[in-house]
PDB file of N, CA and C in Angstrom:
ATOM      1  N   MET A   1     -33.741 208.099  63.786  1.00  0.00           N
ATOM      2  CA  MET A   1     -32.644 207.240  64.142  1.00  0.00           C
ATOM      3  C   MET A   1     -31.896 207.867  65.313  1.00  0.00           C
ATOM      4  N   TYR A   2     -31.528 207.033  66.281  1.00  0.00           N
ATOM      5  CA  TYR A   2     -30.844 207.498  67.478  1.00  0.00           C
ATOM      6  C   TYR A   2     -29.348 207.255  67.332  1.00  0.00           C
ATOM      7  N   VAL A   3     -28.556 208.302  67.480  1.00  0.00           N
ATOM      8  CA  VAL A   3     -27.104 208.201  67.390  1.00  0.00           C
ATOM      9  C   VAL A   3     -26.539 208.473  68.777  1.00  0.00           C
ATOM     10  N   THR A   4     -25.722 207.538  69.271  1.00  0.00           N
ATOM     11  CA  THR A   4     -25.154 207.723  70.608  1.00  0.00           C
ATOM     12  C   THR A   4     -24.014 208.736  70.551  1.00  0.00           C
ATOM     13  N   GLN A   5     -23.883 209.472  71.610  1.00  0.00           N
ATOM     14  CA  GLN A   5     -22.803 210.435  71.739  1.00  0.00           C
ATOM     15  C   GLN A   5     -21.549 209.723  72.252  1.00  0.00           C
ATOM     16  N   ALA A   6     -20.395 210.211  71.862  1.00  0.00           N
ATOM     17  CA  ALA A   6     -19.141 209.651  72.351  1.00  0.00           C
ATOM     18  C   ALA A   6     -18.948 210.066  73.804  1.00  0.00           C
ATOM     19  N   SER A   7     -18.319 209.206  74.571  1.00  0.00           N
ATOM     20  CA  SER A   7     -18.068 209.536  75.969  1.00  0.00           C
ATOM     21  C   SER A   7     -16.993 210.612  76.062  1.00  0.00           C
ATOM     22  N   TRP A   8     -16.905 211.244  77.204  1.00  0.00           N
ATOM     23  CA  TRP A   8     -15.920 212.306  77.378  1.00  0.00           C
ATOM     24  C   TRP A   8     -14.510 211.754  77.301  1.00  0.00           C
ATOM     25  N   LYS A   9     -14.317 210.489  77.721  1.00  0.00           N
ATOM     26  CA  LYS A   9     -12.986 209.896  77.654  1.00  0.00           C
ATOM     27  C   LYS A   9     -12.548 209.704  76.204  1.00  0.00           C
ATOM     28  N   SER A  10     -13.451 209.226  75.371  1.00  0.00           N
ATOM     29  CA  SER A  10     -13.074 209.030  73.974  1.00  0.00           C
ATOM     30  C   SER A  10     -12.876 210.365  73.273  1.00  0.00           C
ATOM     31  N   GLU A  11     -13.631 211.382  73.650  1.00  0.00           N
ATOM     32  CA  GLU A  11     -13.439 212.710  73.063  1.00  0.00           C
ATOM     33  C   GLU A  11     -12.058 213.263  73.403  1.00  0.00           C
ATOM     34  N   ILE A  12     -11.643 213.106  74.665  1.00  0.00           N
ATOM     35  CA  ILE A  12     -10.319 213.580  75.072  1.00  0.00           C
ATOM     36  C   ILE A  12      -9.244 212.804  74.335  1.00  0.00           C
ATOM     37  N   PHE A  13      -9.396 211.473  74.266  1.00  0.00           N
ATOM     38  CA  PHE A  13      -8.403 210.645  73.578  1.00  0.00           C
ATOM     39  C   PHE A  13      -8.296 211.044  72.106  1.00  0.00           C
ATOM     40  N   GLN A  14      -9.419 211.248  71.454  1.00  0.00           N
ATOM     41  CA  GLN A  14      -9.388 211.624  70.038  1.00  0.00           C
ATOM     42  C   GLN A  14      -8.776 212.998  69.834  1.00  0.00           C
ATOM     43  N   SER A  15      -9.027 213.927  70.753  1.00  0.00           N
ATOM     44  CA  SER A  15      -8.444 215.254  70.591  1.00  0.00           C
ATOM     45  C   SER A  15      -6.939 215.235  70.823  1.00  0.00           C
ATOM     46  N   VAL A  16      -6.471 214.426  71.769  1.00  0.00           N
ATOM     47  CA  VAL A  16      -5.030 214.327  72.002  1.00  0.00           C
ATOM     48  C   VAL A  16      -4.352 213.649  70.826  1.00  0.00           C
ATOM     49  N   VAL A  17      -4.917 212.543  70.347  1.00  0.00           N
ATOM     50  CA  VAL A  17      -4.328 211.817  69.230  1.00  0.00           C
ATOM     51  C   VAL A  17      -4.421 212.647  67.948  1.00  0.00           C
ATOM     52  N   GLY A  18      -5.427 213.492  67.835  1.00  0.00           N
ATOM     53  CA  GLY A  18      -5.589 214.317  66.638  1.00  0.00           C
ATOM     54  C   GLY A  18      -4.455 215.301  66.424  1.00  0.00           C
ATOM     55  N   PHE A  19      -3.750 215.693  67.498  1.00  0.00           N
ATOM     56  CA  PHE A  19      -2.626 216.618  67.360  1.00  0.00           C
ATOM     57  C   PHE A  19      -1.365 215.924  66.863  1.00  0.00           C
ATOM     58  N   LEU A  20      -1.334 214.610  66.936  1.00  0.00           N
ATOM     59  CA  LEU A  20      -0.145 213.865  66.546  1.00  0.00           C
ATOM     60  C   LEU A  20      -0.100 213.695  65.029  1.00  0.00           C
ATOM     61  N   PRO A  21       1.101 213.531  64.468  1.00  0.00           N
ATOM     62  CA  PRO A  21       1.191 213.210  63.040  1.00  0.00           C
ATOM     63  C   PRO A  21       0.627 211.815  62.784  1.00  0.00           C
ATOM     64  N   ASP A  22       0.314 211.535  61.517  1.00  0.00           N
ATOM     65  CA  ASP A  22      -0.329 210.269  61.171  1.00  0.00           C
ATOM     66  C   ASP A  22       0.476 209.062  61.620  1.00  0.00           C
ATOM     67  N   TRP A  23       1.800 209.098  61.468  1.00  0.00           N
ATOM     68  CA  TRP A  23       2.611 207.942  61.821  1.00  0.00           C
ATOM     69  C   TRP A  23       2.617 207.710  63.329  1.00  0.00           C
ATOM     70  N   ALA A  24       2.436 208.749  64.111  1.00  0.00           N
ATOM     71  CA  ALA A  24       2.465 208.611  65.568  1.00  0.00           C
ATOM     72  C   ALA A  24       1.098 208.208  66.130  1.00  0.00           C
ATOM     73  N   GLN A  25       0.039 208.428  65.368  1.00  0.00           N
ATOM     74  CA  GLN A  25      -1.290 208.069  65.863  1.00  0.00           C
ATOM     75  C   GLN A  25      -1.414 206.565  66.064  1.00  0.00           C
ATOM     76  N   GLY A  26      -0.883 205.784  65.144  1.00  0.00           N
ATOM     77  CA  GLY A  26      -0.914 204.332  65.287  1.00  0.00           C
ATOM     78  C   GLY A  26      -0.101 203.865  66.475  1.00  0.00           C
ATOM     79  N   ALA A  27       1.064 204.484  66.666  1.00  0.00           N
ATOM     80  CA  ALA A  27       1.907 204.123  67.810  1.00  0.00           C
ATOM     81  C   ALA A  27       1.217 204.484  69.127  1.00  0.00           C
ATOM     82  N   ALA A  28       0.564 205.639  69.178  1.00  0.00           N
ATOM     83  CA  ALA A  28      -0.138 206.055  70.394  1.00  0.00           C
ATOM     84  C   ALA A  28      -1.292 205.102  70.702  1.00  0.00           C
ATOM     85  N   LEU A  29      -2.002 204.702  69.671  1.00  0.00           N
ATOM     86  CA  LEU A  29      -3.093 203.744  69.870  1.00  0.00           C
ATOM     87  C   LEU A  29      -2.542 202.411  70.361  1.00  0.00           C
ATOM     88  N   GLY A  30      -1.425 201.971  69.800  1.00  0.00           N
ATOM     89  CA  GLY A  30      -0.804 200.721  70.228  1.00  0.00           C
ATOM     90  C   GLY A  30      -0.350 200.775  71.677  1.00  0.00           C
ATOM     91  N   VAL A  31       0.243 201.900  72.084  1.00  0.00           N
ATOM     92  CA  VAL A  31       0.678 202.056  73.477  1.00  0.00           C
ATOM     93  C   VAL A  31      -0.524 202.053  74.415  1.00  0.00           C
ATOM     94  N   PHE A  32      -1.591 202.700  74.012  1.00  0.00           N
ATOM     95  CA  PHE A  32      -2.798 202.731  74.835  1.00  0.00           C
ATOM     96  C   PHE A  32      -3.383 201.332  75.003  1.00  0.00           C
ATOM     97  N   VAL A  33      -3.491 200.586  73.920  1.00  0.00           N
ATOM     98  CA  VAL A  33      -4.021 199.222  73.987  1.00  0.00           C
ATOM     99  C   VAL A  33      -3.113 198.342  74.843  1.00  0.00           C
ATOM    100  N   LEU A  34      -1.801 198.499  74.700  1.00  0.00           N
ATOM    101  CA  LEU A  34      -0.856 197.734  75.501  1.00  0.00           C
ATOM    102  C   LEU A  34      -1.003 198.045  76.989  1.00  0.00           C
ATOM    103  N   ALA A  35      -1.215 199.306  77.319  1.00  0.00           N
ATOM    104  CA  ALA A  35      -1.406 199.690  78.720  1.00  0.00           C
ATOM    105  C   ALA A  35      -2.679 199.079  79.293  1.00  0.00           C
ATOM    106  N   VAL A  36      -3.753 199.097  78.524  1.00  0.00           N
ATOM    107  CA  VAL A  36      -5.016 198.511  78.995  1.00  0.00           C
ATOM    108  C   VAL A  36      -4.875 197.008  79.181  1.00  0.00           C
ATOM    109  N   LEU A  37      -4.243 196.327  78.222  1.00  0.00           N
ATOM    110  CA  LEU A  37      -4.061 194.883  78.335  1.00  0.00           C
ATOM    111  C   LEU A  37      -3.142 194.516  79.496  1.00  0.00           C
ATOM    112  N   THR A  38      -2.105 195.314  79.744  1.00  0.00           N
ATOM    113  CA  THR A  38      -1.207 195.057  80.871  1.00  0.00           C
ATOM    114  C   THR A  38      -1.937 195.215  82.194  1.00  0.00           C
ATOM    115  N   ALA A  39      -2.739 196.256  82.318  1.00  0.00           N
ATOM    116  CA  ALA A  39      -3.506 196.453  83.552  1.00  0.00           C
ATOM    117  C   ALA A  39      -4.480 195.298  83.764  1.00  0.00           C
ATOM    118  N   TRP A  40      -5.112 194.844  82.704  1.00  0.00           N
ATOM    119  CA  TRP A  40      -6.041 193.723  82.799  1.00  0.00           C
ATOM    120  C   TRP A  40      -5.310 192.445  83.213  1.00  0.00           C
ATOM    121  N   ALA A  41      -4.137 192.197  82.629  1.00  0.00           N
ATOM    122  CA  ALA A  41      -3.369 190.996  82.951  1.00  0.00           C
ATOM    123  C   ALA A  41      -2.885 191.016  84.397  1.00  0.00           C
ATOM    124  N   LEU A  42      -2.446 192.173  84.887  1.00  0.00           N
ATOM    125  CA  LEU A  42      -2.003 192.258  86.277  1.00  0.00           C
ATOM    126  C   LEU A  42      -3.156 192.040  87.251  1.00  0.00           C
ATOM    127  N   LYS A  43      -4.305 192.571  86.918  1.00  0.00           N
ATOM    128  CA  LYS A  43      -5.485 192.378  87.764  1.00  0.00           C
ATOM    129  C   LYS A  43      -5.860 190.898  87.811  1.00  0.00           C
ATOM    130  N   LEU A  44      -5.815 190.240  86.663  1.00  0.00           N
ATOM    131  CA  LEU A  44      -6.129 188.818  86.587  1.00  0.00           C
ATOM    132  C   LEU A  44      -5.101 187.991  87.358  1.00  0.00           C
ATOM    133  N   LYS A  45      -3.836 188.358  87.263  1.00  0.00           N
ATOM    134  CA  LYS A  45      -2.777 187.644  87.987  1.00  0.00           C
ATOM    135  C   LYS A  45      -2.978 187.769  89.495  1.00  0.00           C
ATOM    136  N   ARG A  46      -3.297 188.978  89.982  1.00  0.00           N
ATOM    137  CA  ARG A  46      -3.551 189.163  91.407  1.00  0.00           C
ATOM    138  C   ARG A  46      -4.753 188.344  91.862  1.00  0.00           C
ATOM    139  N   LYS A  47      -5.768 188.271  91.013  1.00  0.00           N
ATOM    140  CA  LYS A  47      -6.962 187.499  91.352  1.00  0.00           C
ATOM    141  C   LYS A  47      -6.619 186.018  91.484  1.00  0.00           C
ATOM    142  N   PHE A  48      -5.840 185.479  90.540  1.00  0.00           N
ATOM    143  CA  PHE A  48      -5.444 184.074  90.614  1.00  0.00           C
ATOM    144  C   PHE A  48      -4.562 183.811  91.834  1.00  0.00           C
ATOM    145  N   THR A  49      -3.636 184.713  92.122  1.00  0.00           N
ATOM    146  CA  THR A  49      -2.766 184.553  93.288  1.00  0.00           C
ATOM    147  C   THR A  49      -3.579 184.557  94.574  1.00  0.00           C
ATOM    148  N   TYR A  50      -4.548 185.431  94.656  1.00  0.00           N
ATOM    149  CA  TYR A  50      -5.405 185.512  95.836  1.00  0.00           C
ATOM    150  C   TYR A  50      -6.182 184.216  96.027  1.00  0.00           C
ATOM    151  N   HIS A  51      -6.828 183.731  94.966  1.00  0.00           N
ATOM    152  CA  HIS A  51      -7.630 182.521  95.080  1.00  0.00           C
ATOM    153  C   HIS A  51      -6.771 181.301  95.372  1.00  0.00           C
ATOM    154  N   ARG A  52      -5.578 181.230  94.787  1.00  0.00           N
ATOM    155  CA  ARG A  52      -4.677 180.113  95.041  1.00  0.00           C
ATOM    156  C   ARG A  52      -4.240 180.106  96.508  1.00  0.00           C
ATOM    157  N   ALA A  53      -3.939 181.265  97.061  1.00  0.00           N
ATOM    158  CA  ALA A  53      -3.515 181.355  98.455  1.00  0.00           C
ATOM    159  C   ALA A  53      -4.660 181.005  99.396  1.00  0.00           C
ATOM    160  N   VAL A  54      -5.856 181.440  99.075  1.00  0.00           N
ATOM    161  CA  VAL A  54      -7.005 181.145  99.928  1.00  0.00           C
ATOM    162  C   VAL A  54      -7.304 179.647  99.928  1.00  0.00           C
ATOM    163  N   ARG A  55      -7.251 179.016  98.749  1.00  0.00           N
ATOM    164  CA  ARG A  55      -7.509 177.578  98.659  1.00  0.00           C
ATOM    165  C   ARG A  55      -6.481 176.765  99.428  1.00  0.00           C
ATOM    166  N   ALA A  56      -5.218 177.188  99.387  1.00  0.00           N
ATOM    167  CA  ALA A  56      -4.154 176.438 100.041  1.00  0.00           C
ATOM    168  C   ALA A  56      -4.054 176.748 101.525  1.00  0.00           C
ATOM    169  N   GLY A  57      -4.771 177.736 101.991  1.00  0.00           N
ATOM    170  CA  GLY A  57      -4.740 178.098 103.406  1.00  0.00           C
ATOM    171  C   GLY A  57      -3.511 178.901 103.787  1.00  0.00           C
ATOM    172  N   ARG A  58      -2.799 179.433 102.795  1.00  0.00           N
ATOM    173  CA  ARG A  58      -1.617 180.251 103.060  1.00  0.00           C
ATOM    174  C   ARG A  58      -2.047 181.697 103.272  1.00  0.00           C
ATOM    175  N   PRO A  59      -1.174 182.476 103.915  1.00  0.00           N
ATOM    176  CA  PRO A  59      -1.493 183.906 104.022  1.00  0.00           C
ATOM    177  C   PRO A  59      -1.492 184.536 102.632  1.00  0.00           C
ATOM    178  N   VAL A  60      -2.389 185.454 102.430  1.00  0.00           N
ATOM    179  CA  VAL A  60      -2.545 186.099 101.127  1.00  0.00           C
ATOM    180  C   VAL A  60      -1.449 187.144 100.971  1.00  0.00           C
ATOM    181  N   PRO A  61      -0.699 187.108  99.843  1.00  0.00           N
ATOM    182  CA  PRO A  61       0.337 188.132  99.628  1.00  0.00           C
ATOM    183  C   PRO A  61      -0.267 189.531  99.577  1.00  0.00           C
ATOM    184  N   GLU A  62       0.503 190.489 100.017  1.00  0.00           N
ATOM    185  CA  GLU A  62       0.009 191.869 100.077  1.00  0.00           C
ATOM    186  C   GLU A  62      -0.401 192.377  98.697  1.00  0.00           C
ATOM    187  N   SER A  63       0.315 191.954  97.661  1.00  0.00           N
ATOM    188  CA  SER A  63      -0.012 192.437  96.320  1.00  0.00           C
ATOM    189  C   SER A  63      -1.306 191.829  95.788  1.00  0.00           C
ATOM    190  N   ALA A  64      -1.805 190.773  96.412  1.00  0.00           N
ATOM    191  CA  ALA A  64      -3.005 190.108  95.909  1.00  0.00           C
ATOM    192  C   ALA A  64      -4.231 190.396  96.764  1.00  0.00           C
ATOM    193  N   ARG A  65      -4.085 191.222  97.763  1.00  0.00           N
ATOM    194  CA  ARG A  65      -5.225 191.502  98.646  1.00  0.00           C
ATOM    195  C   ARG A  65      -6.275 192.335  97.925  1.00  0.00           C
ATOM    196  N   TYR A  66      -7.539 191.949  98.119  1.00  0.00           N
ATOM    197  CA  TYR A  66      -8.642 192.749  97.574  1.00  0.00           C
ATOM    198  C   TYR A  66      -9.076 193.791  98.577  1.00  0.00           C
ATOM    199  N   ALA A  67      -9.377 193.339  99.785  1.00  0.00           N
ATOM    200  CA  ALA A  67      -9.905 194.242 100.794  1.00  0.00           C
ATOM    201  C   ALA A  67      -8.789 195.145 101.308  1.00  0.00           C
ATOM    202  N   GLN A  68      -9.054 196.403 101.347  1.00  0.00           N
ATOM    203  CA  GLN A  68      -8.077 197.348 101.859  1.00  0.00           C
ATOM    204  C   GLN A  68      -8.421 197.777 103.271  1.00  0.00           C
ATOM    205  N   GLY A  69      -9.392 197.139 103.860  1.00  0.00           N
ATOM    206  CA  GLY A  69      -9.769 197.502 105.214  1.00  0.00           C
ATOM    207  C   GLY A  69     -10.764 198.644 105.224  1.00  0.00           C
ATOM    208  N   ARG A  70     -11.122 199.017 106.435  1.00  0.00           N
ATOM    209  CA  ARG A  70     -12.045 200.140 106.581  1.00  0.00           C
ATOM    210  C   ARG A  70     -11.281 201.442 106.526  1.00  0.00           C
ATOM    211  N   GLY A  71     -11.986 202.519 106.370  1.00  0.00           N
ATOM    212  CA  GLY A  71     -11.338 203.820 106.326  1.00  0.00           C
ATOM    213  C   GLY A  71     -10.575 204.127 107.591  1.00  0.00           C
ATOM    214  N   ALA A  72     -11.077 203.655 108.739  1.00  0.00           N
ATOM    215  CA  ALA A  72     -10.417 203.909 110.010  1.00  0.00           C
ATOM    216  C   ALA A  72      -9.075 203.190 110.097  1.00  0.00           C
ATOM    217  N   ASP A  73      -8.863 202.147 109.299  1.00  0.00           N
ATOM    218  CA  ASP A  73      -7.606 201.421 109.338  1.00  0.00           C
ATOM    219  C   ASP A  73      -6.454 202.253 108.790  1.00  0.00           C
ATOM    220  N   HIS A  74      -6.748 203.287 108.037  1.00  0.00           N
ATOM    221  CA  HIS A  74      -5.712 204.082 107.392  1.00  0.00           C
ATOM    222  C   HIS A  74      -5.535 205.445 108.054  1.00  0.00           C
ATOM    223  N   LEU A  75      -6.153 205.661 109.186  1.00  0.00           N
ATOM    224  CA  LEU A  75      -6.087 206.964 109.826  1.00  0.00           C
ATOM    225  C   LEU A  75      -4.944 207.085 110.821  1.00  0.00           C
ATOM    226  N   GLY A  76      -4.286 205.977 111.131  1.00  0.00           N
ATOM    227  CA  GLY A  76      -3.158 206.016 112.057  1.00  0.00           C
ATOM    228  C   GLY A  76      -3.608 206.414 113.452  1.00  0.00           C
ATOM    229  N   SER A  77      -2.914 207.398 114.028  1.00  0.00           N
ATOM    230  CA  SER A  77      -3.226 207.810 115.395  1.00  0.00           C
ATOM    231  C   SER A  77      -4.560 208.540 115.492  1.00  0.00           C
ATOM    232  N   TYR A  78      -5.134 208.935 114.347  1.00  0.00           N
ATOM    233  CA  TYR A  78      -6.417 209.628 114.348  1.00  0.00           C
ATOM    234  C   TYR A  78      -7.602 208.668 114.294  1.00  0.00           C
ATOM    235  N   ALA A  79      -7.339 207.384 114.182  1.00  0.00           N
ATOM    236  CA  ALA A  79      -8.409 206.401 114.079  1.00  0.00           C
ATOM    237  C   ALA A  79      -9.148 206.279 115.408  1.00  0.00           C
ATOM    238  N   PRO A  80     -10.462 206.113 115.360  1.00  0.00           N
ATOM    239  CA  PRO A  80     -11.208 205.920 116.598  1.00  0.00           C
ATOM    240  C   PRO A  80     -10.855 204.559 117.197  1.00  0.00           C
ATOM    241  N   PRO A  81     -11.000 204.414 118.499  1.00  0.00           N
ATOM    242  CA  PRO A  81     -10.689 203.111 119.108  1.00  0.00           C
ATOM    243  C   PRO A  81     -11.660 202.048 118.602  1.00  0.00           C
ATOM    244  N   PRO A  82     -11.199 200.781 118.464  1.00  0.00           N
ATOM    245  CA  PRO A  82     -12.099 199.726 117.988  1.00  0.00           C
ATOM    246  C   PRO A  82     -13.206 199.449 118.987  1.00  0.00           C
ATOM    247  N   ARG A  83     -14.358 199.072 118.456  1.00  0.00           N
ATOM    248  CA  ARG A  83     -15.488 198.741 119.331  1.00  0.00           C
ATOM    249  C   ARG A  83     -15.259 197.386 119.969  1.00  0.00           C
ATOM    250  N   GLN A  84     -15.820 197.177 121.131  1.00  0.00           N
ATOM    251  CA  GLN A  84     -15.634 195.925 121.848  1.00  0.00           C
ATOM    252  C   GLN A  84     -16.388 194.780 121.168  1.00  0.00           C
ATOM    253  N   ASP A  85     -17.503 195.074 120.512  1.00  0.00           N
ATOM    254  CA  ASP A  85     -18.297 194.020 119.878  1.00  0.00           C
ATOM    255  C   ASP A  85     -17.875 193.742 118.442  1.00  0.00           C
ATOM    256  N   ASP A  86     -16.787 194.364 117.982  1.00  0.00           N
ATOM    257  CA  ASP A  86     -16.312 194.188 116.614  1.00  0.00           C
ATOM    258  C   ASP A  86     -15.393 192.958 116.546  1.00  0.00           C
ATOM    259  N   PRO A  87     -15.812 191.875 115.837  1.00  0.00           N
ATOM    260  CA  PRO A  87     -15.000 190.666 115.808  1.00  0.00           C
ATOM    261  C   PRO A  87     -13.742 190.801 114.960  1.00  0.00           C
ATOM    262  N   THR A  88     -13.657 191.820 114.077  1.00  0.00           N
ATOM    263  CA  THR A  88     -12.480 191.971 113.226  1.00  0.00           C
ATOM    264  C   THR A  88     -11.369 192.723 113.921  1.00  0.00           C
ATOM    265  N   ALA A  89     -11.646 193.374 115.017  1.00  0.00           N
ATOM    266  CA  ALA A  89     -10.610 194.174 115.691  1.00  0.00           C
ATOM    267  C   ALA A  89      -9.732 193.338 116.573  1.00  0.00           C
TER     268      ALA A  89
END
């Protein structure tokens, strides 16, 4: 019989929660689940905002942008000059 090993993330979580008293373990698990659900809901909200803006032809809000640009876009004065044949520049 093949038994899967726990991931390193679950091992760390179990070891941290294991130091807590029994009454706090449930609260810690609840806070963790709430954090995961909140992150998921915010991601979904940004996705809906992005698609709604694209469909309506409005500019996409900064908080809903998916693409963060190329690495050179974040280099400031150290960025190489844009190429002449680059249509995005």
